[in-house]
Amino acid sequence: MAPDLGIVIVNWNTRDLLRDCLRSVAASKSVTVRTVVVDNASADASAEMVRDEFPDVTLIASPTNDGFPVANNKGLRLLGFEQNGNDDAPRYALVLNPDTVLPPSALRDMVDYMDGQPAVGIAGPKLVLLDGSLDYACRRSFPTPEISFYRMVGLSKLFPHSRRFGRYNLTYLDPGVETEVDSVVGAFMMVRRAAIQQAGLFDETFFMYGEDLDWAYRIKQAGWTVMYNPAVTVTHVKRAASRQSRRAQNEFYRAMLIFYRKHYRATTPWWLHSLILAGLVLKGGRPLWHDLTQASRIGVS
């Protein structure tokens, strides 16, 4: 019988946090799991730690850091998740960050939640930071041109309780309310096998950031719903790996550019398109300008 969950944890230089995460997975109650760690060429002996301390965990030690979606797809394919894939794969995939710690009942509760709602393709829990505050990324709307504009000019921060301006992170909603959302975050993203078989795996055009939004977008387009389930709470350190990387700061805006071009460019009027590109360049700086000029040379605007 297939396990309940196939867990993929992508790691880059967060050995000690990864150890805590894997211990919390191992302590999970009443759920069958198969766990894969994909290590993206860490320099802190993360791969050796997994081999030595967690023999039941499957390790993929990548010689290069090819980004979050590439690494996740390696793990998902090893577990049997493919578009039009086999039904021997686990019933659910869980994309999990190494800087999370799970309560013992979290996985069982999330599986039960999705079992009880067959129309749900993706679900995520309430994520809280070390200080107990909400990780706002755990429930989001898609960054449409309008919502992105409010975020870039600071209106979402100025008016977090506004139903109009606070839509990106749904800051106008009580964090304790179960809500249908556009996307949860890739730090803890539980996805139904049938939804993956319809929508496929992560888009490897992204390097980090945005790929979880894109996956949720495609899964919603296939007819599934996405739910935020605050009955389960998971601790998230947040940016444990990305704060070590200068590239990570640039990749956020590059990801927004890729997402915009892929899903909204064709329906955006030229004047708004120009404003969006200007805003992204102002935020993303020279690296994003390079992406824009490279794209224009091959006819992509």
Protein backbone atom coordinates (compact mmCIF):
# COMPACT_ATOMS: atom_id res chain seq x y z
CA MET A 1 0.00 0.00 0.00
CA ALA A 2 1.25 3.49 -0.88
CA PRO A 3 2.33 5.71 2.04
CA ASP A 4 0.10 8.56 3.10
CA LEU A 5 2.80 11.12 2.44
CA GLY A 6 5.86 11.56 0.27
CA ILE A 7 7.90 14.37 1.83
CA VAL A 8 10.53 16.34 -0.08
CA ILE A 9 12.88 18.61 1.86
CA VAL A 10 15.29 20.76 -0.15
CA ASN A 11 18.31 21.81 1.91
CA TRP A 12 21.12 24.28 1.43
CA ASN A 13 23.50 24.88 4.33
CA THR A 14 20.95 24.52 7.14
CA ARG A 15 22.27 21.32 8.72
CA ASP A 16 21.22 21.91 12.32
CA LEU A 17 17.75 23.13 11.39
CA LEU A 18 17.39 20.19 9.01
CA ARG A 19 18.22 17.82 11.87
CA ASP A 20 15.46 19.35 14.00
CA CYS A 21 13.01 19.16 11.11
CA LEU A 22 13.77 15.50 10.41
CA ARG A 23 13.45 14.64 14.08
CA SER A 24 10.01 16.23 14.14
CA VAL A 25 9.01 14.28 11.02
CA ALA A 26 10.24 11.05 12.61
CA ALA A 27 8.17 11.80 15.72
CA SER A 28 4.97 12.26 13.71
CA LYS A 29 2.14 10.02 14.86
CA SER A 30 -0.28 7.74 13.01
CA VAL A 31 0.86 8.55 9.48
CA THR A 32 3.00 6.64 6.98
CA VAL A 33 5.68 8.68 5.26
CA ARG A 34 8.57 8.37 2.90
CA THR A 35 11.02 11.24 3.22
CA VAL A 36 13.51 12.46 0.62
CA VAL A 37 16.12 15.13 1.35
CA VAL A 38 17.61 16.84 -1.67
CA ASP A 39 20.79 18.59 -0.64
CA ASN A 40 21.85 21.37 -3.00
CA ALA A 41 25.65 21.14 -2.66
CA SER A 42 25.77 22.30 0.97
CA ALA A 43 29.16 23.15 2.43
CA ASP A 44 28.16 22.43 6.04
CA ALA A 45 28.13 18.61 5.99
CA SER A 46 24.34 18.47 5.77
CA ALA A 47 24.42 15.44 3.47
CA GLU A 48 26.77 13.55 5.78
CA MET A 49 24.51 14.33 8.75
CA VAL A 50 21.49 12.88 6.96
CA ARG A 51 23.41 9.72 6.01
CA ASP A 52 24.74 9.21 9.51
CA GLU A 53 21.72 10.12 11.63
CA PHE A 54 18.66 9.34 9.48
CA PRO A 55 19.22 6.06 7.64
CA ASP A 56 15.51 5.76 6.78
CA VAL A 57 15.60 9.04 4.85
CA THR A 58 16.44 8.89 1.15
CA LEU A 59 19.22 11.37 0.32
CA ILE A 60 19.84 12.96 -3.05
CA ALA A 61 23.17 14.78 -2.78
CA SER A 62 23.28 17.17 -5.72
CA PRO A 63 26.77 18.33 -6.76
CA THR A 64 25.34 21.72 -7.76
CA ASN A 65 22.70 24.14 -6.48
CA ASP A 66 20.22 24.27 -9.34
CA GLY A 67 17.47 25.96 -7.36
CA PHE A 68 14.38 25.07 -5.37
CA PRO A 69 12.05 23.80 -8.13
CA VAL A 70 14.69 21.62 -9.80
CA ALA A 71 15.60 20.04 -6.48
CA ASN A 72 11.99 19.49 -5.45
CA ASN A 73 11.22 17.88 -8.78
CA LYS A 74 14.07 15.42 -8.29
CA GLY A 75 12.53 14.31 -5.02
CA LEU A 76 8.97 14.26 -6.34
CA ARG A 77 9.98 12.13 -9.33
CA LEU A 78 11.85 9.69 -7.10
CA LEU A 79 8.65 9.33 -5.04
CA GLY A 80 6.63 8.59 -8.18
CA PHE A 81 4.88 11.93 -8.63
CA GLU A 82 4.60 12.72 -12.31
CA GLN A 83 2.06 14.24 -14.61
CA ASN A 84 -0.08 11.28 -15.69
CA GLY A 85 2.06 9.28 -13.25
CA ASN A 86 1.51 6.04 -11.40
CA ASP A 87 -0.96 5.41 -8.60
CA ASP A 88 1.67 3.67 -6.46
CA ALA A 89 3.03 7.07 -5.41
CA PRO A 90 2.02 8.35 -1.96
CA ARG A 91 -1.47 9.79 -1.75
CA TYR A 92 -0.10 13.24 -0.98
CA ALA A 93 3.14 15.09 -1.60
CA LEU A 94 4.48 17.42 1.05
CA VAL A 95 7.00 20.06 0.07
CA LEU A 96 8.63 21.02 3.36
CA ASN A 97 11.37 23.47 4.26
CA PRO A 98 14.23 22.32 6.50
CA ASP A 99 13.65 25.29 8.83
CA THR A 100 10.26 24.00 9.99
CA VAL A 101 9.41 22.01 13.10
CA LEU A 102 6.23 19.91 13.19
CA PRO A 103 4.09 19.04 16.20
CA PRO A 104 3.63 15.25 16.47
CA SER A 105 0.05 15.34 15.19
CA ALA A 106 0.54 17.87 12.38
CA LEU A 107 0.99 15.43 9.49
CA ARG A 108 -1.87 13.17 10.58
CA ASP A 109 -4.16 16.16 11.04
CA MET A 110 -3.30 17.60 7.63
CA VAL A 111 -3.83 14.24 5.90
CA ASP A 112 -7.19 13.85 7.65
CA TYR A 113 -8.11 17.38 6.59
CA MET A 114 -7.45 16.64 2.94
CA ASP A 115 -9.09 13.22 3.13
CA GLY A 116 -12.24 14.96 4.31
CA GLN A 117 -12.25 17.47 1.45
CA PRO A 118 -11.73 15.67 -1.87
CA ALA A 119 -11.96 18.89 -3.91
CA VAL A 120 -8.88 20.33 -2.18
CA GLY A 121 -5.74 20.03 -4.29
CA ILE A 122 -3.41 21.93 -1.95
CA ALA A 123 -3.52 22.72 1.75
CA GLY A 124 -1.20 24.46 4.15
CA PRO A 125 -1.23 25.03 7.92
CA LYS A 126 -0.83 28.15 9.98
CA LEU A 127 2.90 28.92 10.01
CA VAL A 128 4.26 30.89 12.94
CA LEU A 129 7.70 32.45 13.35
CA LEU A 130 9.95 31.93 16.34
CA ASP A 131 8.44 34.95 18.07
CA GLY A 132 4.95 33.48 17.69
CA SER A 133 3.82 35.89 14.99
CA LEU A 134 2.15 34.74 11.79
CA ASP A 135 4.27 33.99 8.73
CA TYR A 136 2.13 36.04 6.35
CA ALA A 137 3.24 34.00 3.33
CA CYS A 138 1.26 30.97 4.54
CA ARG A 139 -1.94 32.35 2.93
CA ARG A 140 -1.80 34.51 -0.16
CA SER A 141 -3.57 35.84 -3.20
CA PHE A 142 -1.92 35.64 -6.59
CA PRO A 143 0.18 38.72 -7.45
CA THR A 144 -2.13 40.09 -10.13
CA PRO A 145 -1.06 43.42 -11.67
CA GLU A 146 -3.41 45.26 -9.32
CA ILE A 147 -2.33 43.42 -6.16
CA SER A 148 1.34 43.69 -7.13
CA PHE A 149 0.96 47.44 -7.59
CA TYR A 150 -0.51 47.85 -4.10
CA ARG A 151 2.38 45.84 -2.69
CA MET A 152 5.12 47.67 -4.60
CA VAL A 153 3.93 51.18 -3.67
CA GLY A 154 3.41 50.21 -0.03
CA LEU A 155 -0.38 50.45 0.19
CA SER A 156 -0.64 46.86 1.46
CA LYS A 157 1.66 47.77 4.35
CA LEU A 158 -0.06 51.08 5.08
CA PHE A 159 -3.55 49.59 5.07
CA PRO A 160 -3.16 45.93 6.13
CA HIS A 161 -6.80 45.65 7.27
CA SER A 162 -8.21 46.87 3.96
CA ARG A 163 -9.97 44.22 1.88
CA ARG A 164 -8.70 46.01 -1.19
CA PHE A 165 -5.10 46.78 -0.31
CA GLY A 166 -4.41 43.84 2.02
CA ARG A 167 -5.18 41.07 -0.43
CA TYR A 168 -1.67 39.79 -1.11
CA ASN A 169 -1.20 38.28 2.35
CA LEU A 170 -4.89 38.47 3.30
CA THR A 171 -3.91 40.62 6.28
CA TYR A 172 -7.53 41.71 6.76
CA LEU A 173 -8.51 38.16 7.79
CA ASP A 174 -8.25 36.64 11.26
CA PRO A 175 -5.29 34.17 11.20
CA GLY A 176 -7.48 31.62 13.01
CA VAL A 177 -10.10 31.40 10.25
CA GLU A 178 -10.03 28.53 7.75
CA THR A 179 -10.00 30.15 4.31
CA GLU A 180 -9.92 29.25 0.64
CA VAL A 181 -6.89 31.06 -0.76
CA ASP A 182 -5.00 31.33 -4.02
CA SER A 183 -1.81 29.83 -2.62
CA VAL A 184 -0.06 28.62 0.49
CA VAL A 185 3.72 28.74 0.78
CA GLY A 186 6.29 26.16 -0.30
CA ALA A 187 7.63 25.93 3.25
CA PHE A 188 4.73 23.53 3.93
CA MET A 189 2.64 22.69 0.90
CA MET A 190 0.61 19.47 0.90
CA VAL A 191 -0.56 18.50 -2.58
CA ARG A 192 -2.91 15.75 -3.68
CA ARG A 193 -1.40 13.15 -6.02
CA ALA A 194 -4.27 13.49 -8.52
CA ALA A 195 -3.70 17.27 -8.70
CA ILE A 196 -0.01 16.73 -9.53
CA GLN A 197 -0.95 14.19 -12.17
CA GLN A 198 -3.12 16.84 -13.83
CA ALA A 199 -0.97 19.94 -13.44
CA GLY A 200 2.56 18.52 -13.48
CA LEU A 201 5.54 19.38 -11.28
CA PHE A 202 7.25 22.68 -10.49
CA ASP A 203 8.20 25.01 -13.34
CA GLU A 204 11.99 24.94 -13.39
CA THR A 205 12.21 28.37 -15.04
CA PHE A 206 12.07 29.74 -11.51
CA PHE A 207 15.16 29.43 -9.28
CA MET A 208 13.59 30.24 -5.93
CA TYR A 209 10.46 32.20 -5.01
CA GLY A 210 7.35 32.22 -7.18
CA GLU A 211 7.41 28.53 -8.09
CA ASP A 212 4.92 27.71 -5.33
CA LEU A 213 2.56 30.44 -6.55
CA ASP A 214 2.87 29.14 -10.10
CA TRP A 215 2.18 25.55 -8.99
CA ALA A 216 -0.90 26.67 -7.09
CA TYR A 217 -2.06 28.71 -10.08
CA ARG A 218 -1.83 25.71 -12.42
CA ILE A 219 -3.49 23.38 -9.93
CA LYS A 220 -6.35 25.85 -9.45
CA GLN A 221 -6.65 26.15 -13.22
CA ALA A 222 -7.11 22.36 -13.29
CA GLY A 223 -10.18 22.75 -11.07
CA TRP A 224 -8.82 22.15 -7.56
CA THR A 225 -9.18 24.39 -4.53
CA VAL A 226 -6.41 25.62 -2.21
CA MET A 227 -7.07 25.85 1.53
CA TYR A 228 -5.42 27.47 4.53
CA ASN A 229 -6.01 25.28 7.59
CA PRO A 230 -5.15 27.10 10.84
CA ALA A 231 -6.24 24.14 12.97
CA VAL A 232 -2.67 22.90 12.44
CA THR A 233 0.24 25.13 13.49
CA VAL A 234 3.85 24.64 12.35
CA THR A 235 6.93 26.64 13.40
CA HIS A 236 8.93 28.25 10.60
CA VAL A 237 12.31 29.90 11.15
CA LYS A 238 12.00 31.66 7.75
CA ARG A 239 14.77 32.49 5.29
CA ALA A 240 17.30 30.32 7.10
CA ALA A 241 19.00 29.53 3.80
CA SER A 242 18.08 32.50 1.64
CA ARG A 243 19.50 35.10 4.03
CA GLN A 244 22.92 33.56 3.34
CA SER A 245 22.61 34.20 -0.39
CA ARG A 246 22.95 37.53 -2.17
CA ARG A 247 21.32 35.93 -5.19
CA ALA A 248 18.17 35.26 -3.18
CA GLN A 249 17.50 38.98 -2.85
CA ASN A 250 17.45 39.32 -6.64
CA GLU A 251 15.46 36.18 -7.30
CA PHE A 252 12.29 37.45 -5.62
CA TYR A 253 11.72 40.13 -8.24
CA ARG A 254 12.90 37.91 -11.07
CA ALA A 255 10.28 35.37 -9.94
CA MET A 256 7.57 38.04 -9.96
CA LEU A 257 8.60 38.97 -13.50
CA ILE A 258 8.41 35.35 -14.67
CA PHE A 259 5.02 34.86 -13.00
CA TYR A 260 3.64 38.07 -14.48
CA ARG A 261 4.81 37.25 -18.00
CA LYS A 262 3.49 33.72 -17.79
CA HIS A 263 0.04 34.41 -16.41
CA TYR A 264 -0.90 38.09 -16.85
CA ARG A 265 1.10 39.79 -19.60
CA ALA A 266 -1.26 38.75 -22.41
CA THR A 267 -4.26 40.42 -20.74
CA THR A 268 -2.56 43.54 -19.33
CA PRO A 269 -2.98 46.87 -21.18
CA TRP A 270 0.24 48.49 -22.41
CA TRP A 271 0.15 51.41 -19.95
CA LEU A 272 -0.19 49.11 -16.94
CA HIS A 273 2.39 46.75 -18.41
CA SER A 274 4.86 49.65 -18.59
CA LEU A 275 4.17 50.62 -14.97
CA ILE A 276 4.64 47.05 -13.79
CA LEU A 277 7.99 46.68 -15.55
CA ALA A 278 9.16 50.04 -14.22
CA GLY A 279 8.18 49.09 -10.69
CA LEU A 280 9.94 45.73 -10.92
CA VAL A 281 13.12 47.33 -12.25
CA LEU A 282 13.08 49.94 -9.47
CA LYS A 283 12.75 47.16 -6.89
CA GLY A 284 14.94 44.55 -8.54
CA GLY A 285 17.72 46.82 -9.74
CA ARG A 286 20.41 46.00 -12.26
CA PRO A 287 20.04 42.18 -12.23
CA LEU A 288 16.39 42.47 -13.26
CA TRP A 289 17.21 45.04 -15.92
CA HIS A 290 19.55 42.43 -17.40
CA ASP A 291 16.69 39.91 -17.53
CA LEU A 292 14.45 42.45 -19.26
CA THR A 293 17.02 43.42 -21.89
CA GLN A 294 17.90 39.79 -22.57
CA ALA A 295 14.21 38.99 -23.06
CA SER A 296 13.69 41.93 -25.40
CA ARG A 297 16.46 40.66 -27.67
CA ILE A 298 14.54 37.43 -28.20
CA GLY A 299 11.19 39.13 -28.63
CA VAL A 300 9.73 38.71 -25.12
CA SER A 301 8.35 41.85 -23.44
